[in-house]
Amino acid sequence: ALGQPTELGQWIAGLVVIAGPGANTREGLRGTVVALDADEKTLTVETGAGRQINVAAGADVRIRVPGIEEAEFSDIAVGDRVAVLGRFDPQDPSRFLARGLGVLATPDRPGD
């Protein structure tokens, strides 16, 4: 909020901005890939709490895999530990829309 103070120590607002729900909301999740569909670019991530979340990786998703400079969705495998940034789909809360997907560790190369 922008404004000016009064003699009583109160503020008179000149401008107030309130972001609505979902405006620039970004969430994240971590877990292990338990299933994936390369054709649909979807994967199922099981979190540390045991919850399974369906993740959709659109065409503009940024993917990072250790040791691969230009990683693609096909570089992700079942068993990989991943971190995903994005948001839950407002129309389908069981689906997570990924904007960024990073492999933290693979079964043959444990992470720290």
N, C-alpha and C. Protein backbone atom coordinates (compact mmCIF):
# COMPACT_ATOMS: atom_id res chain seq x y z
N ALA A 1 0.84 -1.18 0.00
CA ALA A 1 0.00 0.00 0.00
C ALA A 1 0.88 1.24 0.00
N LEU A 2 0.43 2.24 -0.67
CA LEU A 2 1.10 3.54 -0.69
C LEU A 2 0.15 4.56 -0.09
N GLY A 3 0.70 5.55 0.59
CA GLY A 3 -0.15 6.58 1.17
C GLY A 3 0.67 7.57 1.96
N GLN A 4 -0.02 8.28 2.85
CA GLN A 4 0.64 9.30 3.65
C GLN A 4 0.18 9.19 5.10
N PRO A 5 1.10 9.49 6.04
CA PRO A 5 0.71 9.44 7.45
C PRO A 5 -0.08 10.68 7.85
N THR A 6 -1.00 10.49 8.80
CA THR A 6 -1.76 11.62 9.36
C THR A 6 -1.07 12.08 10.64
N GLU A 7 -1.58 13.16 11.20
CA GLU A 7 -1.03 13.68 12.46
C GLU A 7 -1.21 12.70 13.61
N LEU A 8 -2.17 11.80 13.48
CA LEU A 8 -2.45 10.82 14.54
C LEU A 8 -1.64 9.54 14.39
N GLY A 9 -0.75 9.50 13.41
CA GLY A 9 0.07 8.30 13.20
C GLY A 9 -0.61 7.22 12.38
N GLN A 10 -1.75 7.53 11.79
CA GLN A 10 -2.45 6.59 10.92
C GLN A 10 -2.03 6.85 9.48
N TRP A 11 -2.31 5.91 8.62
CA TRP A 11 -1.99 6.07 7.21
C TRP A 11 -3.27 6.19 6.39
N ILE A 12 -3.26 7.09 5.45
CA ILE A 12 -4.36 7.21 4.48
C ILE A 12 -3.83 6.63 3.18
N ALA A 13 -4.47 5.56 2.75
CA ALA A 13 -3.98 4.85 1.57
C ALA A 13 -4.28 5.63 0.30
N GLY A 14 -3.28 5.69 -0.55
CA GLY A 14 -3.46 6.28 -1.87
C GLY A 14 -3.56 5.20 -2.93
N LEU A 15 -2.98 4.04 -2.64
CA LEU A 15 -3.01 2.92 -3.57
C LEU A 15 -2.86 1.63 -2.77
N VAL A 16 -3.76 0.69 -3.01
CA VAL A 16 -3.68 -0.62 -2.37
C VAL A 16 -3.78 -1.66 -3.47
N VAL A 17 -2.84 -2.60 -3.49
CA VAL A 17 -2.85 -3.68 -4.48
C VAL A 17 -2.99 -4.99 -3.74
N ILE A 18 -3.97 -5.78 -4.14
CA ILE A 18 -4.19 -7.09 -3.54
C ILE A 18 -4.17 -8.12 -4.67
N ALA A 19 -3.25 -9.08 -4.57
CA ALA A 19 -3.18 -10.14 -5.58
C ALA A 19 -4.27 -11.16 -5.30
N GLY A 20 -5.01 -11.52 -6.34
CA GLY A 20 -6.07 -12.51 -6.19
C GLY A 20 -5.51 -13.91 -6.06
N PRO A 21 -6.37 -14.86 -5.72
CA PRO A 21 -5.90 -16.24 -5.59
C PRO A 21 -5.36 -16.75 -6.91
N GLY A 22 -4.24 -17.41 -6.84
CA GLY A 22 -3.65 -17.99 -8.04
C GLY A 22 -2.79 -17.03 -8.83
N ALA A 23 -2.77 -15.76 -8.47
CA ALA A 23 -1.96 -14.80 -9.21
C ALA A 23 -0.50 -15.03 -8.86
N ASN A 24 0.26 -15.48 -9.83
CA ASN A 24 1.68 -15.76 -9.65
C ASN A 24 1.97 -16.76 -8.54
N THR A 25 1.03 -17.63 -8.26
CA THR A 25 1.24 -18.64 -7.24
C THR A 25 2.13 -19.74 -7.79
N ARG A 26 3.17 -20.05 -7.04
CA ARG A 26 4.04 -21.13 -7.45
C ARG A 26 4.25 -22.03 -6.24
N GLU A 27 4.14 -23.31 -6.48
CA GLU A 27 4.32 -24.28 -5.41
C GLU A 27 5.40 -25.25 -5.84
N GLY A 28 5.81 -26.07 -4.93
CA GLY A 28 6.82 -27.07 -5.26
C GLY A 28 6.55 -28.37 -4.55
N LEU A 29 7.13 -29.42 -5.09
CA LEU A 29 7.04 -30.73 -4.45
C LEU A 29 8.31 -31.50 -4.74
N ARG A 30 8.60 -32.44 -3.87
CA ARG A 30 9.76 -33.32 -4.03
C ARG A 30 9.31 -34.75 -3.80
N GLY A 31 9.96 -35.65 -4.49
CA GLY A 31 9.63 -37.05 -4.28
C GLY A 31 10.34 -37.93 -5.29
N THR A 32 9.87 -39.16 -5.36
CA THR A 32 10.45 -40.16 -6.25
C THR A 32 9.48 -40.47 -7.37
N VAL A 33 10.00 -40.54 -8.59
CA VAL A 33 9.18 -40.89 -9.75
C VAL A 33 8.81 -42.36 -9.64
N VAL A 34 7.50 -42.65 -9.59
CA VAL A 34 7.04 -44.04 -9.49
C VAL A 34 6.40 -44.52 -10.79
N ALA A 35 6.05 -43.60 -11.68
CA ALA A 35 5.49 -43.96 -12.99
C ALA A 35 5.66 -42.77 -13.92
N LEU A 36 5.78 -43.06 -15.22
CA LEU A 36 5.82 -41.97 -16.19
C LEU A 36 5.29 -42.42 -17.53
N ASP A 37 4.80 -41.46 -18.29
CA ASP A 37 4.29 -41.68 -19.64
C ASP A 37 4.98 -40.67 -20.54
N ALA A 38 5.98 -41.14 -21.30
CA ALA A 38 6.78 -40.24 -22.14
C ALA A 38 5.95 -39.60 -23.24
N ASP A 39 4.95 -40.33 -23.78
CA ASP A 39 4.12 -39.78 -24.85
C ASP A 39 3.28 -38.61 -24.36
N GLU A 40 2.71 -38.75 -23.16
CA GLU A 40 1.85 -37.71 -22.60
C GLU A 40 2.63 -36.67 -21.79
N LYS A 41 3.91 -36.93 -21.57
CA LYS A 41 4.76 -36.07 -20.73
C LYS A 41 4.15 -35.88 -19.34
N THR A 42 3.78 -37.01 -18.74
CA THR A 42 3.26 -36.99 -17.38
C THR A 42 4.06 -37.97 -16.53
N LEU A 43 4.11 -37.69 -15.25
CA LEU A 43 4.75 -38.61 -14.33
C LEU A 43 4.03 -38.59 -13.00
N THR A 44 4.21 -39.64 -12.24
CA THR A 44 3.63 -39.72 -10.90
C THR A 44 4.78 -39.65 -9.91
N VAL A 45 4.67 -38.70 -8.98
CA VAL A 45 5.70 -38.50 -7.97
C VAL A 45 5.13 -38.90 -6.62
N GLU A 46 5.87 -39.74 -5.90
CA GLU A 46 5.47 -40.09 -4.54
C GLU A 46 6.30 -39.25 -3.57
N THR A 47 5.62 -38.46 -2.78
CA THR A 47 6.30 -37.57 -1.83
C THR A 47 6.79 -38.36 -0.62
N GLY A 48 7.59 -37.71 0.21
CA GLY A 48 8.09 -38.34 1.43
C GLY A 48 6.97 -38.75 2.37
N ALA A 49 5.83 -38.07 2.26
CA ALA A 49 4.67 -38.40 3.10
C ALA A 49 3.85 -39.56 2.52
N GLY A 50 4.29 -40.10 1.37
CA GLY A 50 3.59 -41.22 0.76
C GLY A 50 2.46 -40.84 -0.18
N ARG A 51 2.25 -39.56 -0.40
CA ARG A 51 1.19 -39.09 -1.30
C ARG A 51 1.67 -39.18 -2.75
N GLN A 52 0.84 -39.70 -3.64
CA GLN A 52 1.19 -39.77 -5.06
C GLN A 52 0.49 -38.64 -5.80
N ILE A 53 1.28 -37.88 -6.55
CA ILE A 53 0.77 -36.71 -7.26
C ILE A 53 1.07 -36.86 -8.74
N ASN A 54 0.04 -36.64 -9.58
CA ASN A 54 0.20 -36.68 -11.03
C ASN A 54 0.76 -35.33 -11.49
N VAL A 55 1.86 -35.38 -12.24
CA VAL A 55 2.53 -34.17 -12.70
C VAL A 55 2.47 -34.12 -14.22
N ALA A 56 2.01 -32.99 -14.75
CA ALA A 56 1.97 -32.78 -16.20
C ALA A 56 3.08 -31.82 -16.57
N ALA A 57 3.95 -32.24 -17.47
CA ALA A 57 5.06 -31.41 -17.93
C ALA A 57 4.72 -30.91 -19.33
N GLY A 58 4.31 -29.66 -19.44
CA GLY A 58 3.94 -29.09 -20.73
C GLY A 58 5.15 -28.87 -21.62
N ALA A 59 4.90 -28.35 -22.81
CA ALA A 59 5.96 -28.13 -23.79
C ALA A 59 6.99 -27.12 -23.32
N ASP A 60 6.59 -26.18 -22.45
CA ASP A 60 7.51 -25.13 -22.02
C ASP A 60 8.19 -25.42 -20.69
N VAL A 61 8.08 -26.65 -20.18
CA VAL A 61 8.70 -26.99 -18.90
C VAL A 61 10.23 -26.99 -19.04
N ARG A 62 10.90 -26.48 -18.01
CA ARG A 62 12.37 -26.50 -17.99
C ARG A 62 12.80 -27.73 -17.21
N ILE A 63 13.65 -28.53 -17.83
CA ILE A 63 14.09 -29.78 -17.22
C ILE A 63 15.60 -29.73 -16.98
N ARG A 64 15.99 -30.15 -15.78
CA ARG A 64 17.41 -30.20 -15.43
C ARG A 64 17.74 -31.60 -14.90
N VAL A 65 18.80 -32.17 -15.48
CA VAL A 65 19.28 -33.48 -15.06
C VAL A 65 20.79 -33.37 -14.90
N PRO A 66 21.34 -33.79 -13.76
CA PRO A 66 22.79 -33.70 -13.57
C PRO A 66 23.55 -34.42 -14.68
N GLY A 67 24.56 -33.75 -15.22
CA GLY A 67 25.40 -34.35 -16.25
C GLY A 67 24.85 -34.25 -17.66
N ILE A 68 23.64 -33.69 -17.83
CA ILE A 68 23.06 -33.55 -19.16
C ILE A 68 22.79 -32.07 -19.40
N GLU A 69 23.49 -31.50 -20.38
CA GLU A 69 23.38 -30.06 -20.60
C GLU A 69 22.01 -29.64 -21.12
N GLU A 70 21.47 -30.35 -22.11
CA GLU A 70 20.16 -30.03 -22.69
C GLU A 70 19.19 -31.17 -22.38
N ALA A 71 18.77 -31.26 -21.14
CA ALA A 71 17.93 -32.38 -20.70
C ALA A 71 16.53 -32.30 -21.31
N GLU A 72 15.97 -33.48 -21.54
CA GLU A 72 14.61 -33.60 -22.08
C GLU A 72 13.81 -34.52 -21.15
N PHE A 73 12.51 -34.56 -21.37
CA PHE A 73 11.64 -35.40 -20.55
C PHE A 73 12.09 -36.86 -20.58
N SER A 74 12.58 -37.32 -21.73
CA SER A 74 13.00 -38.71 -21.87
C SER A 74 14.23 -39.05 -21.01
N ASP A 75 14.90 -38.04 -20.45
CA ASP A 75 16.05 -38.28 -19.58
C ASP A 75 15.64 -38.60 -18.14
N ILE A 76 14.35 -38.50 -17.85
CA ILE A 76 13.83 -38.81 -16.51
C ILE A 76 13.39 -40.27 -16.50
N ALA A 77 13.65 -40.95 -15.38
CA ALA A 77 13.31 -42.37 -15.28
C ALA A 77 12.62 -42.68 -13.95
N VAL A 78 11.87 -43.78 -13.95
CA VAL A 78 11.27 -44.26 -12.71
C VAL A 78 12.40 -44.52 -11.71
N GLY A 79 12.20 -44.06 -10.48
CA GLY A 79 13.22 -44.21 -9.44
C GLY A 79 14.01 -42.95 -9.19
N ASP A 80 13.98 -42.00 -10.14
CA ASP A 80 14.69 -40.72 -9.94
C ASP A 80 14.01 -39.92 -8.84
N ARG A 81 14.82 -39.26 -8.01
CA ARG A 81 14.28 -38.30 -7.05
C ARG A 81 14.24 -36.96 -7.75
N VAL A 82 13.09 -36.27 -7.67
CA VAL A 82 12.91 -35.02 -8.40
C VAL A 82 12.36 -33.91 -7.50
N ALA A 83 12.60 -32.69 -7.96
CA ALA A 83 11.97 -31.50 -7.38
C ALA A 83 11.19 -30.86 -8.52
N VAL A 84 9.95 -30.48 -8.25
CA VAL A 84 9.08 -29.92 -9.29
C VAL A 84 8.54 -28.57 -8.81
N LEU A 85 8.63 -27.57 -9.68
CA LEU A 85 8.03 -26.27 -9.42
C LEU A 85 6.87 -26.07 -10.36
N GLY A 86 5.82 -25.46 -9.88
CA GLY A 86 4.63 -25.21 -10.70
C GLY A 86 3.46 -24.86 -9.81
N ARG A 87 2.29 -25.40 -10.16
CA ARG A 87 1.10 -25.15 -9.35
C ARG A 87 0.09 -26.25 -9.61
N PHE A 88 -0.82 -26.42 -8.66
CA PHE A 88 -1.89 -27.38 -8.85
C PHE A 88 -2.90 -26.81 -9.84
N ASP A 89 -3.44 -27.67 -10.68
CA ASP A 89 -4.43 -27.29 -11.69
C ASP A 89 -5.71 -26.85 -10.99
N PRO A 90 -6.17 -25.60 -11.22
CA PRO A 90 -7.39 -25.13 -10.55
C PRO A 90 -8.63 -25.97 -10.92
N GLN A 91 -8.66 -26.56 -12.12
CA GLN A 91 -9.79 -27.38 -12.54
C GLN A 91 -9.68 -28.82 -12.05
N ASP A 92 -8.45 -29.26 -11.73
CA ASP A 92 -8.23 -30.64 -11.28
C ASP A 92 -7.15 -30.63 -10.21
N PRO A 93 -7.52 -30.45 -8.94
CA PRO A 93 -6.54 -30.33 -7.86
C PRO A 93 -5.65 -31.55 -7.64
N SER A 94 -5.97 -32.68 -8.29
CA SER A 94 -5.11 -33.85 -8.16
C SER A 94 -3.96 -33.82 -9.16
N ARG A 95 -3.93 -32.81 -10.00
CA ARG A 95 -2.93 -32.70 -11.07
C ARG A 95 -2.05 -31.48 -10.83
N PHE A 96 -0.72 -31.68 -10.92
CA PHE A 96 0.24 -30.61 -10.71
C PHE A 96 0.81 -30.20 -12.07
N LEU A 97 0.74 -28.92 -12.40
CA LEU A 97 1.23 -28.40 -13.68
C LEU A 97 2.66 -27.91 -13.49
N ALA A 98 3.61 -28.63 -14.06
CA ALA A 98 5.03 -28.32 -13.85
C ALA A 98 5.51 -27.21 -14.77
N ARG A 99 6.29 -26.29 -14.19
CA ARG A 99 7.00 -25.25 -14.96
C ARG A 99 8.49 -25.55 -14.97
N GLY A 100 8.94 -26.24 -13.93
CA GLY A 100 10.34 -26.63 -13.83
C GLY A 100 10.44 -27.98 -13.16
N LEU A 101 11.33 -28.83 -13.68
CA LEU A 101 11.46 -30.18 -13.17
C LEU A 101 12.95 -30.51 -13.10
N GLY A 102 13.44 -30.83 -11.93
CA GLY A 102 14.86 -31.14 -11.78
C GLY A 102 15.07 -32.48 -11.12
N VAL A 103 15.96 -33.28 -11.70
CA VAL A 103 16.33 -34.55 -11.10
C VAL A 103 17.36 -34.27 -10.02
N LEU A 104 17.09 -34.71 -8.80
CA LEU A 104 18.01 -34.53 -7.67
C LEU A 104 18.97 -35.70 -7.54
N ALA A 105 18.46 -36.90 -7.79
CA ALA A 105 19.28 -38.11 -7.69
C ALA A 105 18.64 -39.21 -8.51
N THR A 106 19.47 -40.09 -9.02
CA THR A 106 19.00 -41.26 -9.75
C THR A 106 19.37 -42.49 -8.94
N PRO A 107 18.72 -43.64 -9.20
CA PRO A 107 19.03 -44.84 -8.42
C PRO A 107 20.51 -45.22 -8.47
N ASP A 108 21.19 -44.96 -9.60
CA ASP A 108 22.60 -45.32 -9.71
C ASP A 108 23.54 -44.20 -9.26
N ARG A 109 22.99 -43.01 -8.94
CA ARG A 109 23.81 -41.90 -8.46
C ARG A 109 23.05 -41.19 -7.35
N PRO A 110 23.17 -41.70 -6.13
CA PRO A 110 22.43 -41.08 -5.02
C PRO A 110 22.80 -39.62 -4.82
N GLY A 111 21.82 -38.85 -4.39
CA GLY A 111 22.05 -37.43 -4.11
C GLY A 111 22.62 -37.23 -2.73
N ASP A 112 22.86 -35.95 -2.42
CA ASP A 112 23.43 -35.66 -1.10
C ASP A 112 22.36 -35.53 -0.06
